[in-house]
Amino acid sequence: MRVRLRPAELGDVALLEKWDRAPHVIACATDNPDATTAFEDTDWAEEITAASSVSYYLIAEVDARPIGAMQVIDPQAEPTHYWGDVAPNLRALDIWIGEPDMLARGYGTEMMTQAIDDAFADPAVEAIIIDPLASNTDAHRFYARLGFRPVGRRMFGDDDCLVHRLNRITWLNSSVQMAAPPRRPRIV
């Protein structure tokens, strides 16, 4: 295992702000061609301080170097209700690799594999949902390789997204899951 996921800390705020302004992250996060940040108006210190079992951020490291981040959400329980009215027993993931030189090296797959394993370690979790932009066909292929299947387009604010879902049984029967490193203690 080359990637280590750890809880985001206040010391990560400057890094998250830098990644939030990175053109490749912006391009994957919003359809707005004039956007200067990927996650508009996000106060990273507030997000990290508000971490709970229903919404938290992880930092991905390779050889102790931070390379990316993830958000893990219980979409039914999290306070912003970003996902609207959704069924219970789901998790939602968001992922981005902030360091451009770390793209296309398999780190995203490792990050997702660990986060998916962790989500499904809770026997109540039935599925994981994600919301890549409909225009981000590279992300669609990436998620398909992990077993996610498109369930439909949906607008989140001004962003046209293609929601994908990964059911527990699909993951448990997948070759990606079987190739994953042995289970470790829960991330948070």
Protein backbone atom coordinates (compact mmCIF):
# COMPACT_ATOMS: atom_id res chain seq x y z
CA MET A 1 0.00 0.00 0.00
CA ARG A 2 1.52 3.28 -1.11
CA VAL A 3 -1.23 5.67 0.00
CA ARG A 4 -2.03 6.50 3.60
CA LEU A 5 -5.33 8.21 4.43
CA ARG A 6 -5.45 10.28 7.60
CA PRO A 7 -7.97 12.72 9.05
CA ALA A 8 -7.53 16.30 7.83
CA GLU A 9 -6.16 18.69 10.44
CA LEU A 10 -6.11 22.46 10.77
CA GLY A 11 -2.48 22.34 9.62
CA ASP A 12 -3.79 21.18 6.22
CA VAL A 13 -5.84 24.34 5.55
CA ALA A 14 -3.20 26.10 3.43
CA LEU A 15 -2.74 22.96 1.33
CA LEU A 16 -6.49 22.52 0.82
CA GLU A 17 -6.76 26.19 -0.17
CA LYS A 18 -3.93 25.70 -2.70
CA TRP A 19 -5.56 22.61 -4.19
CA ASP A 20 -8.92 24.41 -4.25
CA ARG A 21 -7.34 26.95 -6.66
CA ALA A 22 -5.58 24.35 -8.85
CA PRO A 23 -6.90 24.48 -12.44
CA HIS A 24 -7.11 20.69 -12.79
CA VAL A 25 -9.15 20.42 -9.56
CA ILE A 26 -11.45 23.28 -10.61
CA ALA A 27 -12.04 21.58 -13.98
CA CYS A 28 -13.21 18.39 -12.25
CA ALA A 29 -15.39 20.13 -9.66
CA THR A 30 -17.46 22.73 -11.48
CA ASP A 31 -18.96 23.52 -14.86
CA ASN A 32 -18.45 27.24 -14.25
CA PRO A 33 -15.78 28.41 -16.74
CA ASP A 34 -15.15 31.52 -14.62
CA ALA A 35 -14.59 29.67 -11.33
CA THR A 36 -11.41 30.56 -9.47
CA THR A 37 -11.86 27.81 -6.88
CA ALA A 38 -13.15 24.27 -7.11
CA PHE A 39 -15.31 24.43 -4.00
CA GLU A 40 -16.59 28.00 -3.98
CA ASP A 41 -16.83 29.77 -0.64
CA THR A 42 -15.52 26.77 1.29
CA ASP A 43 -13.93 27.76 4.58
CA TRP A 44 -11.49 24.88 5.01
CA ALA A 45 -10.76 25.62 8.68
CA GLU A 46 -14.48 25.52 9.39
CA GLU A 47 -14.93 22.30 7.40
CA ILE A 48 -12.14 20.56 9.30
CA THR A 49 -13.30 21.84 12.68
CA ALA A 50 -16.86 20.66 11.97
CA ALA A 51 -15.74 17.10 11.15
CA SER A 52 -18.05 14.45 12.56
CA SER A 53 -19.10 10.89 11.83
CA VAL A 54 -21.48 12.21 9.13
CA SER A 55 -19.00 14.40 7.23
CA TYR A 56 -15.23 14.50 7.38
CA TYR A 57 -12.16 15.04 5.23
CA LEU A 58 -9.17 12.80 4.73
CA ILE A 59 -5.73 13.70 3.43
CA ALA A 60 -3.97 11.17 1.19
CA GLU A 61 -0.22 10.89 1.65
CA VAL A 62 2.47 9.06 -0.28
CA ASP A 63 5.76 8.76 1.60
CA ALA A 64 4.45 11.35 4.09
CA ARG A 65 3.78 13.84 1.25
CA PRO A 66 0.17 15.07 1.04
CA ILE A 67 -1.10 14.50 -2.50
CA GLY A 68 -4.88 14.71 -2.32
CA ALA A 69 -8.02 14.75 -0.27
CA MET A 70 -11.33 12.99 0.15
CA GLN A 71 -14.62 13.85 1.76
CA VAL A 72 -16.73 11.10 3.29
CA ILE A 73 -20.39 11.87 3.94
CA ASP A 74 -23.48 10.17 5.29
CA PRO A 75 -25.69 11.89 2.69
CA GLN A 76 -28.90 11.44 4.65
CA ALA A 77 -27.55 12.80 7.94
CA GLU A 78 -25.05 15.51 6.97
CA PRO A 79 -26.24 19.01 7.88
CA THR A 80 -26.07 20.78 4.48
CA HIS A 81 -28.38 18.22 2.83
CA TYR A 82 -26.31 18.57 -0.34
CA TRP A 83 -27.72 15.29 -1.67
CA GLY A 84 -31.31 16.22 -0.81
CA ASP A 85 -33.74 13.47 0.15
CA VAL A 86 -31.80 10.20 -0.04
CA ALA A 87 -32.24 6.74 1.41
CA PRO A 88 -30.53 5.76 4.65
CA ASN A 89 -27.46 3.52 4.80
CA LEU A 90 -25.50 5.26 2.06
CA ARG A 91 -22.14 6.99 1.96
CA ALA A 92 -21.04 9.64 -0.51
CA LEU A 93 -17.41 10.16 -1.48
CA ASP A 94 -15.57 13.01 -3.11
CA ILE A 95 -11.94 12.71 -4.17
CA TRP A 96 -9.32 14.96 -5.67
CA ILE A 97 -5.60 14.72 -6.20
CA GLY A 98 -4.24 18.20 -5.67
CA GLU A 99 -0.66 17.65 -6.76
CA PRO A 100 -0.51 17.58 -10.59
CA ASP A 101 2.62 15.41 -10.67
CA MET A 102 0.76 12.70 -8.74
CA LEU A 103 -2.05 12.28 -11.28
CA ALA A 104 -2.40 9.09 -13.35
CA ARG A 105 -0.18 6.99 -11.06
CA GLY A 106 -2.83 4.78 -9.47
CA TYR A 107 -3.08 6.81 -6.27
CA GLY A 108 -6.73 7.69 -6.87
CA THR A 109 -7.56 3.99 -7.15
CA GLU A 110 -5.77 3.31 -3.87
CA MET A 111 -7.53 6.21 -2.18
CA MET A 112 -10.94 5.04 -3.37
CA THR A 113 -10.24 1.40 -2.53
CA GLN A 114 -9.35 2.28 1.05
CA ALA A 115 -12.33 4.62 1.47
CA ILE A 116 -14.74 2.09 -0.06
CA ASP A 117 -13.41 -0.71 2.15
CA ASP A 118 -13.79 1.57 5.16
CA ALA A 119 -17.36 2.54 4.24
CA PHE A 120 -18.41 -1.07 3.74
CA ALA A 121 -16.75 -2.10 7.02
CA ASP A 122 -19.98 -0.73 8.52
CA PRO A 123 -22.48 -3.54 7.83
CA ALA A 124 -25.35 -1.03 7.65
CA VAL A 125 -23.89 0.72 4.59
CA GLU A 126 -25.64 -0.62 1.48
CA ALA A 127 -24.09 1.55 -1.23
CA ILE A 128 -21.79 4.47 -2.02
CA ILE A 129 -22.79 7.36 -4.27
CA ILE A 130 -20.66 9.89 -6.13
CA ASP A 131 -21.44 12.88 -8.33
CA PRO A 132 -18.84 13.57 -11.03
CA LEU A 133 -19.65 16.24 -13.58
CA ALA A 134 -21.54 14.82 -16.56
CA SER A 135 -18.80 16.31 -18.74
CA ASN A 136 -16.00 14.52 -16.86
CA THR A 137 -15.85 11.33 -18.90
CA ASP A 138 -12.41 10.44 -17.50
CA ALA A 139 -13.99 10.27 -14.02
CA HIS A 140 -16.84 8.12 -15.34
CA ARG A 141 -14.34 5.57 -16.69
CA PHE A 142 -12.35 5.68 -13.43
CA TYR A 143 -15.44 5.01 -11.31
CA ALA A 144 -16.66 2.28 -13.68
CA ARG A 145 -13.36 0.42 -13.17
CA LEU A 146 -14.13 0.43 -9.44
CA GLY A 147 -17.61 -1.01 -10.02
CA PHE A 148 -19.72 2.17 -9.87
CA ARG A 149 -22.63 2.36 -12.29
CA PRO A 150 -24.39 5.52 -13.51
CA VAL A 151 -27.87 6.01 -12.08
CA GLY A 152 -28.80 9.32 -13.70
CA ARG A 153 -28.04 12.95 -14.28
CA ARG A 154 -28.76 15.50 -11.60
CA MET A 155 -28.14 19.19 -11.10
CA PHE A 156 -26.26 20.16 -7.95
CA GLY A 157 -26.53 23.93 -7.96
CA ASP A 158 -25.30 24.95 -11.42
CA ASP A 159 -23.32 21.75 -11.96
CA ASP A 160 -24.67 19.03 -14.25
CA CYS A 161 -23.59 15.75 -12.66
CA LEU A 162 -23.91 12.08 -13.53
CA VAL A 163 -24.58 10.31 -10.24
CA HIS A 164 -23.00 6.87 -9.88
CA ARG A 165 -23.66 4.15 -7.31
CA LEU A 166 -21.62 1.21 -6.03
CA ASN A 167 -23.63 -1.46 -4.23
CA ARG A 168 -22.03 -3.47 -1.45
CA ILE A 169 -22.49 -6.80 -3.24
CA THR A 170 -20.85 -5.45 -6.40
CA TRP A 171 -17.81 -4.34 -4.39
CA LEU A 172 -17.55 -7.57 -2.42
CA ASN A 173 -17.56 -9.55 -5.68
CA SER A 174 -15.12 -7.28 -7.53
CA SER A 175 -11.52 -7.99 -8.40
CA VAL A 176 -10.59 -4.47 -7.25
CA GLN A 177 -11.79 -5.24 -3.74
CA MET A 178 -10.00 -8.58 -3.65
CA ALA A 179 -6.77 -6.92 -4.72
CA ALA A 180 -7.07 -4.35 -1.95
CA PRO A 181 -4.69 -4.42 1.00
CA PRO A 182 -5.85 -6.20 4.17
CA ARG A 183 -8.40 -4.35 6.32
CA ARG A 184 -7.05 -1.84 8.74
CA PRO A 185 -8.77 -0.02 11.59
CA ARG A 186 -11.44 2.54 10.67
CA ILE A 187 -10.04 5.83 9.40
CA VAL A 188 -12.08 8.03 11.73
